[in-house]
């Protein structure tokens, strides 16, 4: 289990922020250590991020996955976001141009690794297949608002389609690689639910 972090305040207390240039220097020095299937957890400063953190009782509001292509010497982040759906961007952009404004991600970011993938990297191929097959899939806006609606009125019905919130994308990618990740009480898929599993190891707070 990664370090217990039930709020962004706790995250900031335990891991004070470094200067952006320090974070980017760490990435450049440790770029070869990132592996396909590593999960990046994000804690944004937007009010919607705060609502997701409150609902899931976690410091994290977004999750994405590392995709490494050694043949090209490239390391990417794959994520599903509201504006673009499932997208692929250089991992370095998290530290220097995440939103297309020449600035790092506006918030905190943690780097983690599932112990099963640490010991069985051959499963990384299945993750790559899933990511490539689902690039440009739309973001699941309907499910996103259903999640918020259920948060307030407590309805339990779960909605499934071929679109993805960030956590749905990671859940389905790992399922494709025969690795089960949890839902929140069986109905709500959140980054916080993934963070709490015992097989997840925190490598470092990147930002």
Protein backbone atom coordinates (compact mmCIF):
# COMPACT_ATOMS: atom_id res chain seq x y z
CA UNK A 1 0.00 0.00 0.00
CA UNK A 2 1.25 3.46 -0.86
CA UNK A 3 1.63 6.03 1.93
CA UNK A 4 -1.80 6.79 3.40
CA UNK A 5 -2.87 10.20 2.11
CA UNK A 6 -6.47 11.09 2.81
CA UNK A 7 -6.24 14.76 1.86
CA UNK A 8 -4.20 17.21 -0.18
CA UNK A 9 -3.36 19.02 3.05
CA UNK A 10 -1.74 15.85 4.40
CA UNK A 11 0.11 15.40 1.12
CA UNK A 12 1.50 18.93 1.31
CA UNK A 13 2.49 18.49 4.96
CA UNK A 14 4.40 15.25 4.38
CA UNK A 15 5.92 16.19 1.03
CA UNK A 16 6.62 19.92 0.68
CA UNK A 17 6.86 21.15 -2.90
CA UNK A 18 10.21 21.52 -4.64
CA UNK A 19 11.09 24.15 -7.21
CA UNK A 20 9.93 23.16 -10.74
CA UNK A 21 13.51 22.96 -12.01
CA UNK A 22 14.35 20.47 -9.24
CA UNK A 23 11.45 18.24 -10.27
CA UNK A 24 12.42 18.30 -13.93
CA UNK A 25 16.05 17.56 -13.09
CA UNK A 26 14.93 14.50 -11.12
CA UNK A 27 12.90 13.31 -14.09
CA UNK A 28 15.80 13.68 -16.51
CA UNK A 29 18.17 11.85 -14.15
CA UNK A 30 15.71 9.00 -13.52
CA UNK A 31 13.95 8.78 -16.88
CA UNK A 32 15.19 5.24 -17.50
CA UNK A 33 13.55 4.02 -14.28
CA UNK A 34 9.97 4.63 -15.44
CA UNK A 35 8.23 1.46 -16.68
CA UNK A 36 5.08 0.68 -18.64
CA UNK A 37 2.22 0.30 -16.16
CA UNK A 38 3.59 2.74 -13.60
CA UNK A 39 0.72 4.89 -12.35
CA UNK A 40 0.91 8.64 -11.86
CA UNK A 41 -1.55 10.13 -9.38
CA UNK A 42 -2.50 13.80 -9.68
CA UNK A 43 -3.87 16.19 -7.08
CA UNK A 44 -5.11 19.27 -8.92
CA UNK A 45 -5.89 22.73 -7.62
CA UNK A 46 -9.18 23.07 -9.55
CA UNK A 47 -12.43 23.02 -7.55
CA UNK A 48 -13.60 19.90 -9.40
CA UNK A 49 -10.43 18.16 -8.29
CA UNK A 50 -11.27 19.13 -4.74
CA UNK A 51 -14.74 17.61 -5.10
CA UNK A 52 -13.31 14.32 -6.36
CA UNK A 53 -10.83 14.23 -3.49
CA UNK A 54 -13.62 14.88 -1.00
CA UNK A 55 -15.83 12.15 -2.50
CA UNK A 56 -13.07 9.52 -2.50
CA UNK A 57 -11.48 10.58 0.83
CA UNK A 58 -8.12 10.77 -0.90
CA UNK A 59 -5.48 13.31 -1.87
CA UNK A 60 -5.82 12.29 -5.53
CA UNK A 61 -8.22 13.52 -8.19
CA UNK A 62 -6.75 12.08 -11.41
CA UNK A 63 -4.69 9.08 -12.53
CA UNK A 64 -2.70 8.23 -15.64
CA UNK A 65 -0.35 5.47 -16.77
CA UNK A 66 3.23 5.41 -18.02
CA UNK A 67 3.83 3.87 -21.44
CA UNK A 68 7.43 3.15 -22.38
CA UNK A 69 8.47 2.42 -25.99
CA UNK A 70 12.12 1.40 -25.85
CA UNK A 71 12.42 0.98 -29.61
CA UNK A 72 11.93 4.74 -29.93
CA UNK A 73 13.55 5.67 -26.60
CA UNK A 74 10.35 7.44 -25.61
CA UNK A 75 8.40 7.58 -22.34
CA UNK A 76 4.78 8.70 -22.44
CA UNK A 77 1.85 9.42 -20.15
CA UNK A 78 -1.48 7.92 -21.24
CA UNK A 79 -4.54 9.43 -19.62
CA UNK A 80 -8.19 10.22 -20.22
CA UNK A 81 -9.05 13.87 -19.68
CA UNK A 82 -12.24 15.86 -20.18
CA UNK A 83 -11.01 18.03 -23.04
CA UNK A 84 -9.33 15.34 -25.16
CA UNK A 85 -10.43 11.88 -24.08
CA UNK A 86 -7.66 9.27 -24.11
CA UNK A 87 -4.42 10.98 -25.09
CA UNK A 88 -0.72 10.22 -25.27
CA UNK A 89 1.86 12.86 -24.37
CA UNK A 90 5.57 12.82 -23.52
CA UNK A 91 6.01 12.21 -19.79
CA UNK A 92 8.36 15.20 -19.64
CA UNK A 93 5.39 17.47 -20.41
CA UNK A 94 4.06 16.85 -16.89
CA UNK A 95 7.04 18.89 -15.69
CA UNK A 96 7.13 21.62 -18.34
CA UNK A 97 4.04 21.88 -20.57
CA UNK A 98 1.15 19.80 -19.24
CA UNK A 99 -1.64 22.13 -20.29
CA UNK A 100 -0.06 23.53 -23.43
CA UNK A 101 0.92 26.74 -21.63
CA UNK A 102 4.61 26.00 -21.02
CA UNK A 103 3.94 25.31 -17.35
CA UNK A 104 4.12 22.16 -15.19
CA UNK A 105 0.98 20.41 -13.99
CA UNK A 106 -0.92 22.71 -11.62
CA UNK A 107 -0.91 20.56 -8.50
CA UNK A 108 0.92 17.56 -7.07
CA UNK A 109 1.95 14.32 -8.82
CA UNK A 110 3.03 10.95 -7.36
CA UNK A 111 4.82 8.09 -9.13
CA UNK A 112 3.80 4.55 -8.14
CA UNK A 113 4.31 0.96 -9.31
CA UNK A 114 2.13 -2.13 -8.94
CA UNK A 115 4.17 -4.98 -7.40
CA UNK A 116 2.77 -7.51 -9.87
CA UNK A 117 4.16 -5.51 -12.80
CA UNK A 118 7.46 -5.07 -10.98
CA UNK A 119 7.83 -8.83 -10.96
CA UNK A 120 6.12 -9.63 -14.30
CA UNK A 121 7.02 -7.06 -16.91
CA UNK A 122 5.84 -9.33 -19.72
CA UNK A 123 2.33 -8.13 -18.89
CA UNK A 124 3.38 -4.67 -20.03
CA UNK A 125 2.74 -5.73 -23.63
CA UNK A 126 -0.96 -6.19 -22.88
CA UNK A 127 -1.10 -2.70 -21.37
CA UNK A 128 0.54 -1.27 -24.48
CA UNK A 129 -1.96 -3.05 -26.70
CA UNK A 130 -4.89 -1.66 -24.73
CA UNK A 131 -3.51 1.87 -24.77
CA UNK A 132 -2.83 1.86 -28.50
CA UNK A 133 -6.25 0.37 -29.27
CA UNK A 134 -8.06 3.02 -27.25
CA UNK A 135 -6.22 6.23 -28.11
CA UNK A 136 -8.63 9.11 -28.85
CA UNK A 137 -11.59 7.35 -27.18
CA UNK A 138 -13.89 10.02 -25.79
CA UNK A 139 -13.88 11.02 -22.15
CA UNK A 140 -16.88 9.60 -20.30
CA UNK A 141 -18.55 12.90 -19.43
CA UNK A 142 -21.88 11.25 -18.61
CA UNK A 143 -20.28 8.90 -16.11
CA UNK A 144 -18.25 11.76 -14.64
CA UNK A 145 -21.45 13.67 -13.81
CA UNK A 146 -23.17 10.47 -12.68
CA UNK A 147 -20.31 9.96 -10.23
CA UNK A 148 -20.83 13.46 -8.82
CA UNK A 149 -24.60 12.93 -8.72
CA UNK A 150 -24.24 9.62 -6.88
CA UNK A 151 -21.87 11.34 -4.47
CA UNK A 152 -24.68 13.60 -3.29
CA UNK A 153 -27.75 11.35 -3.46
CA UNK A 154 -26.13 7.98 -2.79
CA UNK A 155 -27.47 6.01 -5.77
CA UNK A 156 -25.53 2.82 -6.40
CA UNK A 157 -26.13 2.10 -10.09
CA UNK A 158 -22.92 1.91 -12.14
CA UNK A 159 -22.87 2.99 -15.77
CA UNK A 160 -20.78 1.27 -18.46
CA UNK A 161 -20.03 2.31 -22.05
CA UNK A 162 -17.06 2.55 -24.39
CA UNK A 163 -15.90 5.92 -23.07
CA UNK A 164 -13.54 6.41 -20.13
CA UNK A 165 -13.03 8.61 -17.12
CA UNK A 166 -9.38 8.62 -16.05
CA UNK A 167 -9.90 5.85 -13.48
CA UNK A 168 -12.11 3.78 -15.80
CA UNK A 169 -9.33 3.81 -18.40
CA UNK A 170 -6.72 2.53 -15.93
CA UNK A 171 -9.14 -0.05 -14.53
CA UNK A 172 -9.89 -1.46 -17.98
CA UNK A 173 -6.24 -1.39 -19.09
CA UNK A 174 -5.18 -3.43 -16.07
CA UNK A 175 -8.14 -5.78 -16.53
CA UNK A 176 -6.98 -6.35 -20.12
CA UNK A 177 -3.60 -7.36 -18.66
CA UNK A 178 -5.38 -9.71 -16.20
CA UNK A 179 -4.70 -7.50 -13.15
CA UNK A 180 -7.72 -6.59 -11.03
CA UNK A 181 -8.00 -3.13 -9.50
CA UNK A 182 -10.74 -2.15 -7.03
CA UNK A 183 -13.78 0.05 -7.40
CA UNK A 184 -14.97 2.30 -4.61
CA UNK A 185 -17.53 0.19 -2.73
CA UNK A 186 -18.16 -1.68 -5.96
CA UNK A 187 -19.71 1.25 -7.85
CA UNK A 188 -17.42 4.28 -7.84
CA UNK A 189 -14.09 4.11 -9.66
CA UNK A 190 -11.68 6.67 -8.27
CA UNK A 191 -7.92 7.29 -8.24
CA UNK A 192 -8.12 7.08 -4.46
CA UNK A 193 -9.36 3.48 -4.61
CA UNK A 194 -6.29 2.47 -6.63
CA UNK A 195 -3.94 4.35 -4.31
CA UNK A 196 -5.10 2.36 -1.29
CA UNK A 197 -4.39 -1.13 -2.63
CA UNK A 198 -1.68 -3.04 -0.80
CA UNK A 199 0.19 -4.00 -3.98
CA UNK A 200 0.93 -0.41 -4.94
CA UNK A 201 4.33 1.03 -4.05
CA UNK A 202 4.97 4.77 -4.01
CA UNK A 203 8.25 5.55 -5.75
CA UNK A 204 8.33 9.33 -5.28
CA UNK A 205 6.31 12.51 -5.18
CA UNK A 206 7.33 14.06 -8.50
CA UNK A 207 5.81 17.52 -8.06
